[in-house]
C-alpha cells in the first residue's frame, strides 16, 4: 500500500506596515511639546497622584484631568527585562534593557529603554536619567533612552521655550506614528494545499462533514461545528459578487489607479465568499449579483482580479445567505 505524503508546508515572511496619524488633545500635546523642550510633564489625578505619561481622564474616577505637573528627568527603575537582540525600529541597536522608570516627582512609571553594558548592570532600584535625542520633534523618541545616573546633578532643560502664560510656544498638535509588524506566516495543511492548487489554476476548498459548508480558502476545521474538514472540493472558477466597496484612497506601493472595487465573491460551489478585486468594468457599474471569472497573475499562481464573464446576473436568492 502506498501512502501519498502531505505537501510541503509553505512559509513566507510578511510585513504589515502603515503610518498612524492622530491629532493630540491638550494633555498629550503638552507632554510631547515638553519632551521637545527637554521637559517631562505629568498630570495630577483627583487623588493627588502624578501620572507619567499623563492621561486626559482619571483611570479611577474617569474625571477630566488638566493639572499638568513638571517632574524630574531622573528616576528609579521599578522593574526591567533584558533585550539581547534589538529589532528594527527599537530605541537602541545594541543590547539594552526595557525598564519601567518612576521619575522623581511622579507616582507611576514610564516604559523606555535603558542603555547598559549588560544585564548585570541593571537592577530594580537603579537610579537613571534621561538621555535626550540630539534632534527633537515632539515625540516619545525625543527621549533617546535612559542611562545609569549616580550624581546629584540633574539634566534639566537647556532652555525654556514657554511663553508668559507658562505654555510652550509652537505646541505639537499631531503626530505620525509608523506601525510595522514583521512575521513569518505558515499557512498550515489546509491552506498549503489550497495554495498548491492555485498554482495549478484550480480553487480547492474543504467541506465540513457535519454542516456540509465548503470553506474557501479552507481553514482545516469548521469554526461552527468544531470538526476537521478533510473532504476537498474544487469550486469555481466563476462566482458571484455578493457585496462590494469602492476604494478611493491609493495605497502605498500598490500600482492600481483609484477608484477601484474590492468585492466579496462567492465562487460556484463555495459556502462563503472570498475577497477579490473587480476589474474589466467601470467601477460604477459593479453590482451585487454580477457574475465574474478570475484573471490570473502573470506567473499564474493566483487570481490577480476578477472580471465580468458575460453571464446574466445571479438572482438574489441564490447568494443571499453568503453576504
C-alpha atoms as a PDB file:
ATOM      1  CA  UNK A   1       0.000   0.000   0.000  1.00  0.00           C
ATOM      2  CA  UNK A   2       1.430   3.370  -1.000  1.00  0.00           C
ATOM      3  CA  UNK A   3       0.841   6.464   1.080  1.00  0.00           C
ATOM      4  CA  UNK A   4       0.836   9.889  -0.535  1.00  0.00           C
ATOM      5  CA  UNK A   5       2.997  12.212   1.565  1.00  0.00           C
ATOM      6  CA  UNK A   6       1.447  15.523   2.611  1.00  0.00           C
ATOM      7  CA  UNK A   7       2.534  18.591   0.634  1.00  0.00           C
ATOM      8  CA  UNK A   8       5.431  20.611   1.939  1.00  0.00           C
ATOM      9  CA  UNK A   9       4.211  23.222   4.384  1.00  0.00           C
ATOM     10  CA  UNK A  10       4.790  26.700   2.993  1.00  0.00           C
ATOM     11  CA  UNK A  11       6.345  29.603   4.871  1.00  0.00           C
ATOM     12  CA  UNK A  12       6.780  33.229   3.870  1.00  0.00           C
ATOM     13  CA  UNK A  13       7.973  36.446   5.523  1.00  0.00           C
ATOM     14  CA  UNK A  14       5.195  39.011   5.747  1.00  0.00           C
ATOM     15  CA  UNK A  15       5.165  42.687   6.720  1.00  0.00           C
ATOM     16  CA  UNK A  16       2.172  44.748   7.809  1.00  0.00           C
ATOM     17  CA  UNK A  17       3.117  48.431   7.809  1.00  0.00           C
ATOM     18  CA  UNK A  18       1.214  51.702   7.815  1.00  0.00           C
ATOM     19  CA  UNK A  19       1.610  55.279   9.154  1.00  0.00           C
ATOM     20  CA  UNK A  20      -0.813  56.037  12.004  1.00  0.00           C
ATOM     21  CA  UNK A  21      -1.747  59.729  12.023  1.00  0.00           C
ATOM     22  CA  UNK A  22      -3.519  61.183  15.031  1.00  0.00           C
ATOM     23  CA  UNK A  23      -4.308  64.574  16.491  1.00  0.00           C
ATOM     24  CA  UNK A  24      -3.472  65.384  20.105  1.00  0.00           C
ATOM     25  CA  UNK A  25      -5.610  66.699  22.917  1.00  0.00           C
ATOM     26  CA  UNK A  26      -4.325  69.375  25.309  1.00  0.00           C
ATOM     27  CA  UNK A  27      -2.640  66.918  27.705  1.00  0.00           C
ATOM     28  CA  UNK A  28      -0.772  64.826  25.137  1.00  0.00           C
ATOM     29  CA  UNK A  29       0.085  67.957  23.185  1.00  0.00           C
ATOM     30  CA  UNK A  30       1.700  69.497  26.265  1.00  0.00           C
ATOM     31  CA  UNK A  31       3.535  66.258  27.107  1.00  0.00           C
ATOM     32  CA  UNK A  32       5.106  65.856  23.657  1.00  0.00           C
ATOM     33  CA  UNK A  33       5.839  69.565  23.296  1.00  0.00           C
ATOM     34  CA  UNK A  34       7.589  69.362  26.673  1.00  0.00           C
ATOM     35  CA  UNK A  35       9.760  66.476  25.509  1.00  0.00           C
ATOM     36  CA  UNK A  36      10.796  68.567  22.532  1.00  0.00           C
ATOM     37  CA  UNK A  37      11.964  71.215  25.006  1.00  0.00           C
ATOM     38  CA  UNK A  38      13.676  68.627  27.316  1.00  0.00           C
ATOM     39  CA  UNK A  39      10.961  68.837  29.956  1.00  0.00           C
ATOM     40  CA  UNK A  40       8.835  65.959  31.262  1.00  0.00           C
ATOM     41  CA  UNK A  41       5.271  66.749  32.261  1.00  0.00           C
ATOM     42  CA  UNK A  42       2.825  64.610  34.194  1.00  0.00           C
ATOM     43  CA  UNK A  43      -0.773  65.238  35.190  1.00  0.00           C
ATOM     44  CA  UNK A  44      -2.215  65.338  38.692  1.00  0.00           C
ATOM     45  CA  UNK A  45      -5.097  62.958  39.280  1.00  0.00           C
ATOM     46  CA  UNK A  46      -8.040  63.644  41.618  1.00  0.00           C
ATOM     47  CA  UNK A  47      -6.407  61.720  44.458  1.00  0.00           C
ATOM     48  CA  UNK A  48      -3.203  63.757  44.156  1.00  0.00           C
ATOM     49  CA  UNK A  49      -1.089  61.198  42.340  1.00  0.00           C
ATOM     50  CA  UNK A  50       1.060  62.452  39.458  1.00  0.00           C
ATOM     51  CA  UNK A  51       0.715  60.266  36.387  1.00  0.00           C
ATOM     52  CA  UNK A  52       3.536  59.966  33.842  1.00  0.00           C
ATOM     53  CA  UNK A  53       2.912  59.615  30.952  1.00  0.00           C
ATOM     54  CA  UNK A  54      -0.064  61.912  31.507  1.00  0.00           C
ATOM     55  CA  UNK A  55      -3.584  60.865  30.586  1.00  0.00           C
ATOM     56  CA  UNK A  56      -6.632  63.002  29.885  1.00  0.00           C
ATOM     57  CA  UNK A  57      -9.005  61.169  32.218  1.00  0.00           C
ATOM     58  CA  UNK A  58      -8.514  59.819  35.727  1.00  0.00           C
ATOM     59  CA  UNK A  59      -8.144  55.998  35.452  1.00  0.00           C
ATOM     60  CA  UNK A  60     -10.042  55.548  38.754  1.00  0.00           C
ATOM     61  CA  UNK A  61     -12.816  58.163  38.563  1.00  0.00           C
ATOM     62  CA  UNK A  62     -12.894  58.978  34.811  1.00  0.00           C
ATOM     63  CA  UNK A  63     -12.740  62.678  35.709  1.00  0.00           C
ATOM     64  CA  UNK A  64     -11.168  65.010  33.143  1.00  0.00           C
ATOM     65  CA  UNK A  65      -7.571  65.893  34.052  1.00  0.00           C
ATOM     66  CA  UNK A  66      -5.806  69.118  33.106  1.00  0.00           C
ATOM     67  CA  UNK A  67      -3.445  69.927  36.031  1.00  0.00           C
ATOM     68  CA  UNK A  68      -0.029  69.470  34.416  1.00  0.00           C
ATOM     69  CA  UNK A  69       2.997  68.999  36.675  1.00  0.00           C
ATOM     70  CA  UNK A  70       6.679  69.127  35.731  1.00  0.00           C
ATOM     71  CA  UNK A  71       8.616  66.126  37.047  1.00  0.00           C
ATOM     72  CA  UNK A  72      12.296  65.300  37.123  1.00  0.00           C
ATOM     73  CA  UNK A  73      14.400  63.873  34.342  1.00  0.00           C
ATOM     74  CA  UNK A  74      15.961  61.450  36.811  1.00  0.00           C
ATOM     75  CA  UNK A  75      14.213  58.496  38.354  1.00  0.00           C
ATOM     76  CA  UNK A  76      14.275  54.948  39.677  1.00  0.00           C
ATOM     77  CA  UNK A  77      13.927  51.637  37.841  1.00  0.00           C
ATOM     78  CA  UNK A  78      10.933  49.738  39.235  1.00  0.00           C
ATOM     79  CA  UNK A  79      11.264  46.647  37.021  1.00  0.00           C
ATOM     80  CA  UNK A  80      13.148  45.609  33.900  1.00  0.00           C
ATOM     81  CA  UNK A  81      13.770  42.956  31.215  1.00  0.00           C
ATOM     82  CA  UNK A  82      16.923  42.460  29.162  1.00  0.00           C
ATOM     83  CA  UNK A  83      16.675  42.629  25.365  1.00  0.00           C
ATOM     84  CA  UNK A  84      19.699  40.782  23.902  1.00  0.00           C
ATOM     85  CA  UNK A  85      18.693  41.113  20.247  1.00  0.00           C
ATOM     86  CA  UNK A  86      17.195  44.515  19.368  1.00  0.00           C
ATOM     87  CA  UNK A  87      14.861  44.596  16.390  1.00  0.00           C
ATOM     88  CA  UNK A  88      14.393  47.120  13.632  1.00  0.00           C
ATOM     89  CA  UNK A  89      12.938  50.390  14.905  1.00  0.00           C
ATOM     90  CA  UNK A  90      13.719  49.813  18.586  1.00  0.00           C
ATOM     91  CA  UNK A  91      15.381  52.624  20.564  1.00  0.00           C
ATOM     92  CA  UNK A  92      18.920  51.164  20.517  1.00  0.00           C
ATOM     93  CA  UNK A  93      20.774  48.989  18.028  1.00  0.00           C
ATOM     94  CA  UNK A  94      22.875  47.284  20.731  1.00  0.00           C
ATOM     95  CA  UNK A  95      21.522  45.040  23.542  1.00  0.00           C
ATOM     96  CA  UNK A  96      19.633  47.056  26.144  1.00  0.00           C
ATOM     97  CA  UNK A  97      17.090  46.728  28.945  1.00  0.00           C
ATOM     98  CA  UNK A  98      13.408  47.575  28.766  1.00  0.00           C
ATOM     99  CA  UNK A  99      12.706  49.430  32.011  1.00  0.00           C
ATOM    100  CA  UNK A 100       9.841  50.983  33.887  1.00  0.00           C
ATOM    101  CA  UNK A 101      11.154  54.228  35.383  1.00  0.00           C
ATOM    102  CA  UNK A 102       9.364  56.213  38.085  1.00  0.00           C
ATOM    103  CA  UNK A 103      10.640  59.726  37.516  1.00  0.00           C
ATOM    104  CA  UNK A 104      11.269  61.927  40.539  1.00  0.00           C
ATOM    105  CA  UNK A 105       8.003  63.618  41.416  1.00  0.00           C
ATOM    106  CA  UNK A 106       5.873  61.009  39.621  1.00  0.00           C
ATOM    107  CA  UNK A 107       3.777  58.222  41.123  1.00  0.00           C
ATOM    108  CA  UNK A 108       3.636  55.980  38.052  1.00  0.00           C
ATOM    109  CA  UNK A 109       6.339  54.534  35.808  1.00  0.00           C
ATOM    110  CA  UNK A 110       7.297  55.280  32.217  1.00  0.00           C
ATOM    111  CA  UNK A 111       8.340  52.468  29.849  1.00  0.00           C
ATOM    112  CA  UNK A 112      11.517  53.093  27.865  1.00  0.00           C
ATOM    113  CA  UNK A 113      14.962  51.705  27.043  1.00  0.00           C
ATOM    114  CA  UNK A 114      18.000  51.725  29.333  1.00  0.00           C
ATOM    115  CA  UNK A 115      21.476  51.799  27.797  1.00  0.00           C
ATOM    116  CA  UNK A 116      23.533  49.462  29.975  1.00  0.00           C
ATOM    117  CA  UNK A 117      26.656  47.358  29.283  1.00  0.00           C
ATOM    118  CA  UNK A 118      24.909  44.147  30.266  1.00  0.00           C
ATOM    119  CA  UNK A 119      22.115  42.663  32.403  1.00  0.00           C
ATOM    120  CA  UNK A 120      24.447  42.541  35.410  1.00  0.00           C
ATOM    121  CA  UNK A 121      24.431  46.361  35.394  1.00  0.00           C
ATOM    122  CA  UNK A 122      20.635  46.593  35.718  1.00  0.00           C
ATOM    123  CA  UNK A 123      18.604  46.175  38.876  1.00  0.00           C
ATOM    124  CA  UNK A 124      15.376  47.295  40.474  1.00  0.00           C
ATOM    125  CA  UNK A 125      16.110  50.499  42.364  1.00  0.00           C
ATOM    126  CA  UNK A 126      18.810  51.643  39.941  1.00  0.00           C
ATOM    127  CA  UNK A 127      18.957  55.410  39.593  1.00  0.00           C
ATOM    128  CA  UNK A 128      18.754  56.593  35.968  1.00  0.00           C
ATOM    129  CA  UNK A 129      18.380  59.781  33.984  1.00  0.00           C
ATOM    130  CA  UNK A 130      17.024  60.782  30.586  1.00  0.00           C
ATOM    131  CA  UNK A 131      19.386  60.867  27.633  1.00  0.00           C
ATOM    132  CA  UNK A 132      17.832  63.335  25.221  1.00  0.00           C
ATOM    133  CA  UNK A 133      17.912  62.855  21.474  1.00  0.00           C
ATOM    134  CA  UNK A 134      20.129  65.264  19.570  1.00  0.00           C
ATOM    135  CA  UNK A 135      17.240  66.325  17.335  1.00  0.00           C
ATOM    136  CA  UNK A 136      13.784  66.512  18.882  1.00  0.00           C
ATOM    137  CA  UNK A 137      10.432  66.971  17.166  1.00  0.00           C
ATOM    138  CA  UNK A 138       7.822  66.363  19.852  1.00  0.00           C
ATOM    139  CA  UNK A 139       7.634  62.573  20.139  1.00  0.00           C
ATOM    140  CA  UNK A 140       8.401  59.909  22.737  1.00  0.00           C
ATOM    141  CA  UNK A 141      11.613  59.269  20.778  1.00  0.00           C
ATOM    142  CA  UNK A 142      12.836  62.678  21.963  1.00  0.00           C
ATOM    143  CA  UNK A 143      13.908  60.595  24.955  1.00  0.00           C
ATOM    144  CA  UNK A 144      16.653  58.620  23.205  1.00  0.00           C
ATOM    145  CA  UNK A 145      16.883  56.289  26.202  1.00  0.00           C
ATOM    146  CA  UNK A 146      17.729  56.263  29.902  1.00  0.00           C
ATOM    147  CA  UNK A 147      21.229  55.810  31.296  1.00  0.00           C
ATOM    148  CA  UNK A 148      22.580  54.951  34.777  1.00  0.00           C
ATOM    149  CA  UNK A 149      22.940  58.002  36.997  1.00  0.00           C
ATOM    150  CA  UNK A 150      24.910  58.344  40.230  1.00  0.00           C
ATOM    151  CA  UNK A 151      25.360  62.101  40.585  1.00  0.00           C
ATOM    152  CA  UNK A 152      23.433  64.722  42.472  1.00  0.00           C
ATOM    153  CA  UNK A 153      23.337  66.857  39.339  1.00  0.00           C
ATOM    154  CA  UNK A 154      20.212  66.883  37.194  1.00  0.00           C
ATOM    155  CA  UNK A 155      19.776  67.216  33.454  1.00  0.00           C
ATOM    156  CA  UNK A 156      17.063  69.813  33.252  1.00  0.00           C
ATOM    157  CA  UNK A 157      16.049  71.722  30.138  1.00  0.00           C
ATOM    158  CA  UNK A 158      18.801  73.724  28.499  1.00  0.00           C
ATOM    159  CA  UNK A 159      16.335  76.438  27.500  1.00  0.00           C
ATOM    160  CA  UNK A 160      12.799  77.322  28.471  1.00  0.00           C
ATOM    161  CA  UNK A 161      10.593  77.822  25.434  1.00  0.00           C
ATOM    162  CA  UNK A 162       7.427  78.703  27.392  1.00  0.00           C
ATOM    163  CA  UNK A 163       5.539  81.928  26.862  1.00  0.00           C
ATOM    164  CA  UNK A 164       4.400  84.315  29.601  1.00  0.00           C
ATOM    165  CA  UNK A 165       1.390  82.102  30.425  1.00  0.00           C
ATOM    166  CA  UNK A 166       3.608  79.099  31.155  1.00  0.00           C
ATOM    167  CA  UNK A 167       2.642  77.255  27.966  1.00  0.00           C
ATOM    168  CA  UNK A 168       5.179  76.137  25.387  1.00  0.00           C
ATOM    169  CA  UNK A 169       5.413  78.047  22.156  1.00  0.00           C
ATOM    170  CA  UNK A 170       4.543  76.299  18.894  1.00  0.00           C
ATOM    171  CA  UNK A 171       2.818  73.306  20.535  1.00  0.00           C
ATOM    172  CA  UNK A 172       2.793  69.869  18.905  1.00  0.00           C
ATOM    173  CA  UNK A 173      -0.778  69.220  17.739  1.00  0.00           C
ATOM    174  CA  UNK A 174      -0.432  65.921  15.870  1.00  0.00           C
ATOM    175  CA  UNK A 175       1.899  63.004  15.292  1.00  0.00           C
ATOM    176  CA  UNK A 176       2.523  60.357  12.665  1.00  0.00           C
ATOM    177  CA  UNK A 177       3.495  57.068  14.294  1.00  0.00           C
ATOM    178  CA  UNK A 178       4.711  54.324  11.935  1.00  0.00           C
ATOM    179  CA  UNK A 179       3.296  50.900  12.771  1.00  0.00           C
ATOM    180  CA  UNK A 180       5.072  47.808  11.472  1.00  0.00           C
ATOM    181  CA  UNK A 181       4.731  44.091  12.150  1.00  0.00           C
ATOM    182  CA  UNK A 182       7.281  41.615  10.732  1.00  0.00           C
ATOM    183  CA  UNK A 183       6.447  37.941  10.996  1.00  0.00           C
ATOM    184  CA  UNK A 184       6.783  34.589   9.274  1.00  0.00           C
ATOM    185  CA  UNK A 185       3.496  33.081   8.193  1.00  0.00           C
ATOM    186  CA  UNK A 186       2.933  29.336   7.828  1.00  0.00           C
ATOM    187  CA  UNK A 187      -0.458  28.564   6.269  1.00  0.00           C
ATOM    188  CA  UNK A 188      -0.726  25.022   7.643  1.00  0.00           C
ATOM    189  CA  UNK A 189      -2.004  21.850   5.971  1.00  0.00           C
ATOM    190  CA  UNK A 190      -5.316  23.090   4.590  1.00  0.00           C
ATOM    191  CA  UNK A 191      -4.142  26.400   3.167  1.00  0.00           C
ATOM    192  CA  UNK A 192      -0.893  24.878   1.865  1.00  0.00           C
ATOM    193  CA  UNK A 193      -2.969  22.521  -0.281  1.00  0.00           C
ATOM    194  CA  UNK A 194      -5.147  25.468  -1.302  1.00  0.00           C
ATOM    195  CA  UNK A 195      -2.086  27.456  -2.455  1.00  0.00           C
ATOM    196  CA  UNK A 196      -0.610  24.479  -4.332  1.00  0.00           C
ATOM    197  CA  UNK A 197      -3.936  24.114  -6.157  1.00  0.00           C
ATOM    198  CA  UNK A 198      -3.938  27.814  -7.076  1.00  0.00           C
ATOM    199  CA  UNK A 199      -0.553  27.285  -8.729  1.00  0.00           C
ATOM    200  CA  UNK A 200      -2.408  24.808 -10.989  1.00  0.00           C
ATOM    201  CA  UNK A 201      -5.144  27.410 -11.624  1.00  0.00           C
ATOM    202  CA  UNK A 202      -7.632  25.475  -9.525  1.00  0.00           C
ATOM    203  CA  UNK A 203      -9.530  26.686  -6.469  1.00  0.00           C
ATOM    204  CA  UNK A 204      -9.985  23.949  -3.871  1.00  0.00           C
ATOM    205  CA  UNK A 205     -11.892  24.237  -0.607  1.00  0.00           C
ATOM    206  CA  UNK A 206     -12.784  21.769   2.133  1.00  0.00           C
ATOM    207  CA  UNK A 207     -16.234  20.570   3.183  1.00  0.00           C
ATOM    208  CA  UNK A 208     -17.383  20.240   6.776  1.00  0.00           C
ATOM    209  CA  UNK A 209     -18.651  16.675   7.319  1.00  0.00           C
ATOM    210  CA  UNK A 210     -21.263  17.984   9.745  1.00  0.00           C
ATOM    211  CA  UNK A 211     -22.875  21.095   8.199  1.00  0.00           C
ATOM    212  CA  UNK A 212     -21.631  20.437   4.628  1.00  0.00           C
ATOM    213  CA  UNK A 213     -20.422  24.034   4.196  1.00  0.00           C
ATOM    214  CA  UNK A 214     -17.472  24.330   1.792  1.00  0.00           C
ATOM    215  CA  UNK A 215     -14.814  26.707   3.106  1.00  0.00           C
ATOM    216  CA  UNK A 216     -12.712  28.659   0.593  1.00  0.00           C
ATOM    217  CA  UNK A 217      -9.967  29.297   1.498  1.00  0.00           C
ATOM    218  CA  UNK A 218     -10.061  26.206   3.748  1.00  0.00           C
ATOM    219  CA  UNK A 219      -9.312  26.605   7.438  1.00  0.00           C
ATOM    220  CA  UNK A 220      -8.638  22.996   8.386  1.00  0.00           C
ATOM    221  CA  UNK A 221     -11.659  22.931  10.681  1.00  0.00           C
ATOM    222  CA  UNK A 222     -15.233  24.188  10.641  1.00  0.00           C
ATOM    223  CA  UNK A 223     -15.476  27.170  13.050  1.00  0.00           C
ATOM    224  CA  UNK A 224     -19.203  26.474  13.520  1.00  0.00           C
ATOM    225  CA  UNK A 225     -19.136  22.717  14.154  1.00  0.00           C
ATOM    226  CA  UNK A 226     -15.599  22.425  15.526  1.00  0.00           C
ATOM    227  CA  UNK A 227     -14.707  19.375  13.409  1.00  0.00           C
ATOM    228  CA  UNK A 228     -11.857  18.815  10.957  1.00  0.00           C
ATOM    229  CA  UNK A 229     -12.533  19.429   7.268  1.00  0.00           C
ATOM    230  CA  UNK A 230     -10.780  16.807   5.182  1.00  0.00           C
ATOM    231  CA  UNK A 231     -13.072  16.385   2.148  1.00  0.00           C
ATOM    232  CA  UNK A 232     -11.517  18.500  -0.610  1.00  0.00           C
ATOM    233  CA  UNK A 233     -13.880  20.145  -3.092  1.00  0.00           C
ATOM    234  CA  UNK A 234     -12.954  22.059  -6.246  1.00  0.00           C
ATOM    235  CA  UNK A 235     -15.086  25.187  -6.687  1.00  0.00           C
ATOM    236  CA  UNK A 236     -15.477  27.949  -9.250  1.00  0.00           C
ATOM    237  CA  UNK A 237     -13.714  29.195 -11.208  1.00  0.00           C
ATOM    238  CA  UNK A 238     -16.636  31.562 -11.761  1.00  0.00           C
ATOM    239  CA  UNK A 239     -18.565  33.239  -8.999  1.00  0.00           C
ATOM    240  CA  UNK A 240     -20.992  35.951  -7.940  1.00  0.00           C
ATOM    241  CA  UNK A 241     -20.350  39.364  -6.398  1.00  0.00           C
ATOM    242  CA  UNK A 242     -22.302  39.350  -3.135  1.00  0.00           C
ATOM    243  CA  UNK A 243     -21.278  42.801  -1.894  1.00  0.00           C
ATOM    244  CA  UNK A 244     -18.514  45.300  -2.623  1.00  0.00           C
ATOM    245  CA  UNK A 245     -16.887  48.614  -1.776  1.00  0.00           C
ATOM    246  CA  UNK A 246     -15.348  51.353  -3.920  1.00  0.00           C
ATOM    247  CA  UNK A 247     -11.793  52.254  -2.856  1.00  0.00           C
ATOM    248  CA  UNK A 248     -10.877  55.922  -3.313  1.00  0.00           C
ATOM    249  CA  UNK A 249      -7.616  56.044  -1.323  1.00  0.00           C
ATOM    250  CA  UNK A 250      -4.424  54.987  -3.091  1.00  0.00           C
ATOM    251  CA  UNK A 251      -2.371  52.565  -1.042  1.00  0.00           C
ATOM    252  CA  UNK A 252       1.391  52.940  -0.813  1.00  0.00           C
ATOM    253  CA  UNK A 253       3.344  50.680  -3.213  1.00  0.00           C
ATOM    254  CA  UNK A 254       0.120  49.451  -4.840  1.00  0.00           C
ATOM    255  CA  UNK A 255       0.137  50.127  -8.576  1.00  0.00           C
ATOM    256  CA  UNK A 256      -3.657  50.328  -9.001  1.00  0.00           C
ATOM    257  CA  UNK A 257      -5.372  53.527 -10.029  1.00  0.00           C
ATOM    258  CA  UNK A 258      -8.247  54.713  -7.869  1.00  0.00           C
ATOM    259  CA  UNK A 259     -11.131  54.371  -7.733  1.00  0.00           C
ATOM    260  CA  UNK A 260     -11.299  50.587  -7.903  1.00  0.00           C
ATOM    261  CA  UNK A 261     -13.618  47.946  -6.462  1.00  0.00           C
ATOM    262  CA  UNK A 262     -12.965  45.251  -3.872  1.00  0.00           C
ATOM    263  CA  UNK A 263     -15.710  42.671  -3.531  1.00  0.00           C
ATOM    264  CA  UNK A 264     -16.879  39.568  -1.728  1.00  0.00           C
ATOM    265  CA  UNK A 265     -17.122  36.859  -4.372  1.00  0.00           C
ATOM    266  CA  UNK A 266     -18.968  33.595  -3.773  1.00  0.00           C
ATOM    267  CA  UNK A 267     -17.345  31.066  -6.095  1.00  0.00           C
ATOM    268  CA  UNK A 268     -19.707  28.467  -7.514  1.00  0.00           C
ATOM    269  CA  UNK A 269     -19.925  25.607  -5.032  1.00  0.00           C
ATOM    270  CA  UNK A 270     -18.386  27.540  -2.099  1.00  0.00           C
ATOM    271  CA  UNK A 271     -20.139  28.022   1.206  1.00  0.00           C
ATOM    272  CA  UNK A 272     -18.804  31.523   1.858  1.00  0.00           C
ATOM    273  CA  UNK A 273     -17.419  34.453  -0.108  1.00  0.00           C
ATOM    274  CA  UNK A 274     -13.758  35.410  -0.512  1.00  0.00           C
ATOM    275  CA  UNK A 275     -12.143  38.776  -1.220  1.00  0.00           C
ATOM    276  CA  UNK A 276     -11.193  39.831  -4.732  1.00  0.00           C
ATOM    277  CA  UNK A 277     -10.613  42.927  -6.840  1.00  0.00           C
ATOM    278  CA  UNK A 278     -13.018  43.600  -9.698  1.00  0.00           C
ATOM    279  CA  UNK A 279     -11.637  44.968 -12.986  1.00  0.00           C
ATOM    280  CA  UNK A 280     -12.582  44.968 -16.634  1.00  0.00           C
ATOM    281  CA  UNK A 281     -15.677  47.061 -15.903  1.00  0.00           C
ATOM    282  CA  UNK A 282     -16.166  50.701 -14.830  1.00  0.00           C
ATOM    283  CA  UNK A 283     -16.212  50.907 -11.039  1.00  0.00           C
ATOM    284  CA  UNK A 284     -19.678  52.469 -11.014  1.00  0.00           C
ATOM    285  CA  UNK A 285     -21.129  49.533 -12.948  1.00  0.00           C
ATOM    286  CA  UNK A 286     -20.131  46.861 -10.428  1.00  0.00           C
ATOM    287  CA  UNK A 287     -23.214  45.495  -8.675  1.00  0.00           C
ATOM    288  CA  UNK A 288     -24.432  42.745  -6.404  1.00  0.00           C
ATOM    289  CA  UNK A 289     -25.158  39.588  -8.374  1.00  0.00           C
ATOM    290  CA  UNK A 290     -22.566  40.342 -11.068  1.00  0.00           C
ATOM    291  CA  UNK A 291     -21.150  37.108 -12.452  1.00  0.00           C
ATOM    292  CA  UNK A 292     -17.340  37.132 -12.673  1.00  0.00           C
ATOM    293  CA  UNK A 293     -14.363  34.929 -13.571  1.00  0.00           C
ATOM    294  CA  UNK A 294     -10.716  35.042 -12.472  1.00  0.00           C
ATOM    295  CA  UNK A 295      -7.889  36.703 -14.386  1.00  0.00           C
ATOM    296  CA  UNK A 296      -4.682  35.000 -13.289  1.00  0.00           C
ATOM    297  CA  UNK A 297      -1.446  36.752 -12.378  1.00  0.00           C
ATOM    298  CA  UNK A 298       1.426  36.846 -14.851  1.00  0.00           C
ATOM    299  CA  UNK A 299       3.110  33.905 -13.127  1.00  0.00           C
ATOM    300  CA  UNK A 300      -0.206  32.054 -12.998  1.00  0.00           C
ATOM    301  CA  UNK A 301      -0.042  31.381  -9.263  1.00  0.00           C
ATOM    302  CA  UNK A 302      -3.114  33.292  -8.094  1.00  0.00           C
ATOM    303  CA  UNK A 303      -6.091  35.300  -9.404  1.00  0.00           C
ATOM    304  CA  UNK A 304      -4.903  38.874  -9.868  1.00  0.00           C
ATOM    305  CA  UNK A 305      -8.504  40.099 -10.169  1.00  0.00           C
ATOM    306  CA  UNK A 306     -11.954  39.088 -11.354  1.00  0.00           C
ATOM    307  CA  UNK A 307     -13.797  40.387 -14.417  1.00  0.00           C
ATOM    308  CA  UNK A 308     -17.350  40.034 -15.747  1.00  0.00           C
ATOM    309  CA  UNK A 309     -17.800  36.696 -17.503  1.00  0.00           C
ATOM    310  CA  UNK A 310     -20.817  37.725 -19.607  1.00  0.00           C
ATOM    311  CA  UNK A 311     -23.393  35.587 -17.811  1.00  0.00           C
ATOM    312  CA  UNK A 312     -26.679  37.136 -16.635  1.00  0.00           C
ATOM    313  CA  UNK A 313     -26.659  38.484 -13.082  1.00  0.00           C
ATOM    314  CA  UNK A 314     -27.386  35.910 -10.408  1.00  0.00           C
ATOM    315  CA  UNK A 315     -30.746  36.009  -8.663  1.00  0.00           C
ATOM    316  CA  UNK A 316     -30.524  37.461  -5.147  1.00  0.00           C
ATOM    317  CA  UNK A 317     -31.977  34.312  -3.571  1.00  0.00           C
ATOM    318  CA  UNK A 318     -29.010  32.276  -4.850  1.00  0.00           C
ATOM    319  CA  UNK A 319     -26.456  34.242  -2.814  1.00  0.00           C
ATOM    320  CA  UNK A 320     -28.368  35.999  -0.014  1.00  0.00           C
ATOM    321  CA  UNK A 321     -27.022  33.543   2.571  1.00  0.00           C
ATOM    322  CA  UNK A 322     -23.436  34.353   1.522  1.00  0.00           C
ATOM    323  CA  UNK A 323     -23.478  38.107   2.152  1.00  0.00           C
END
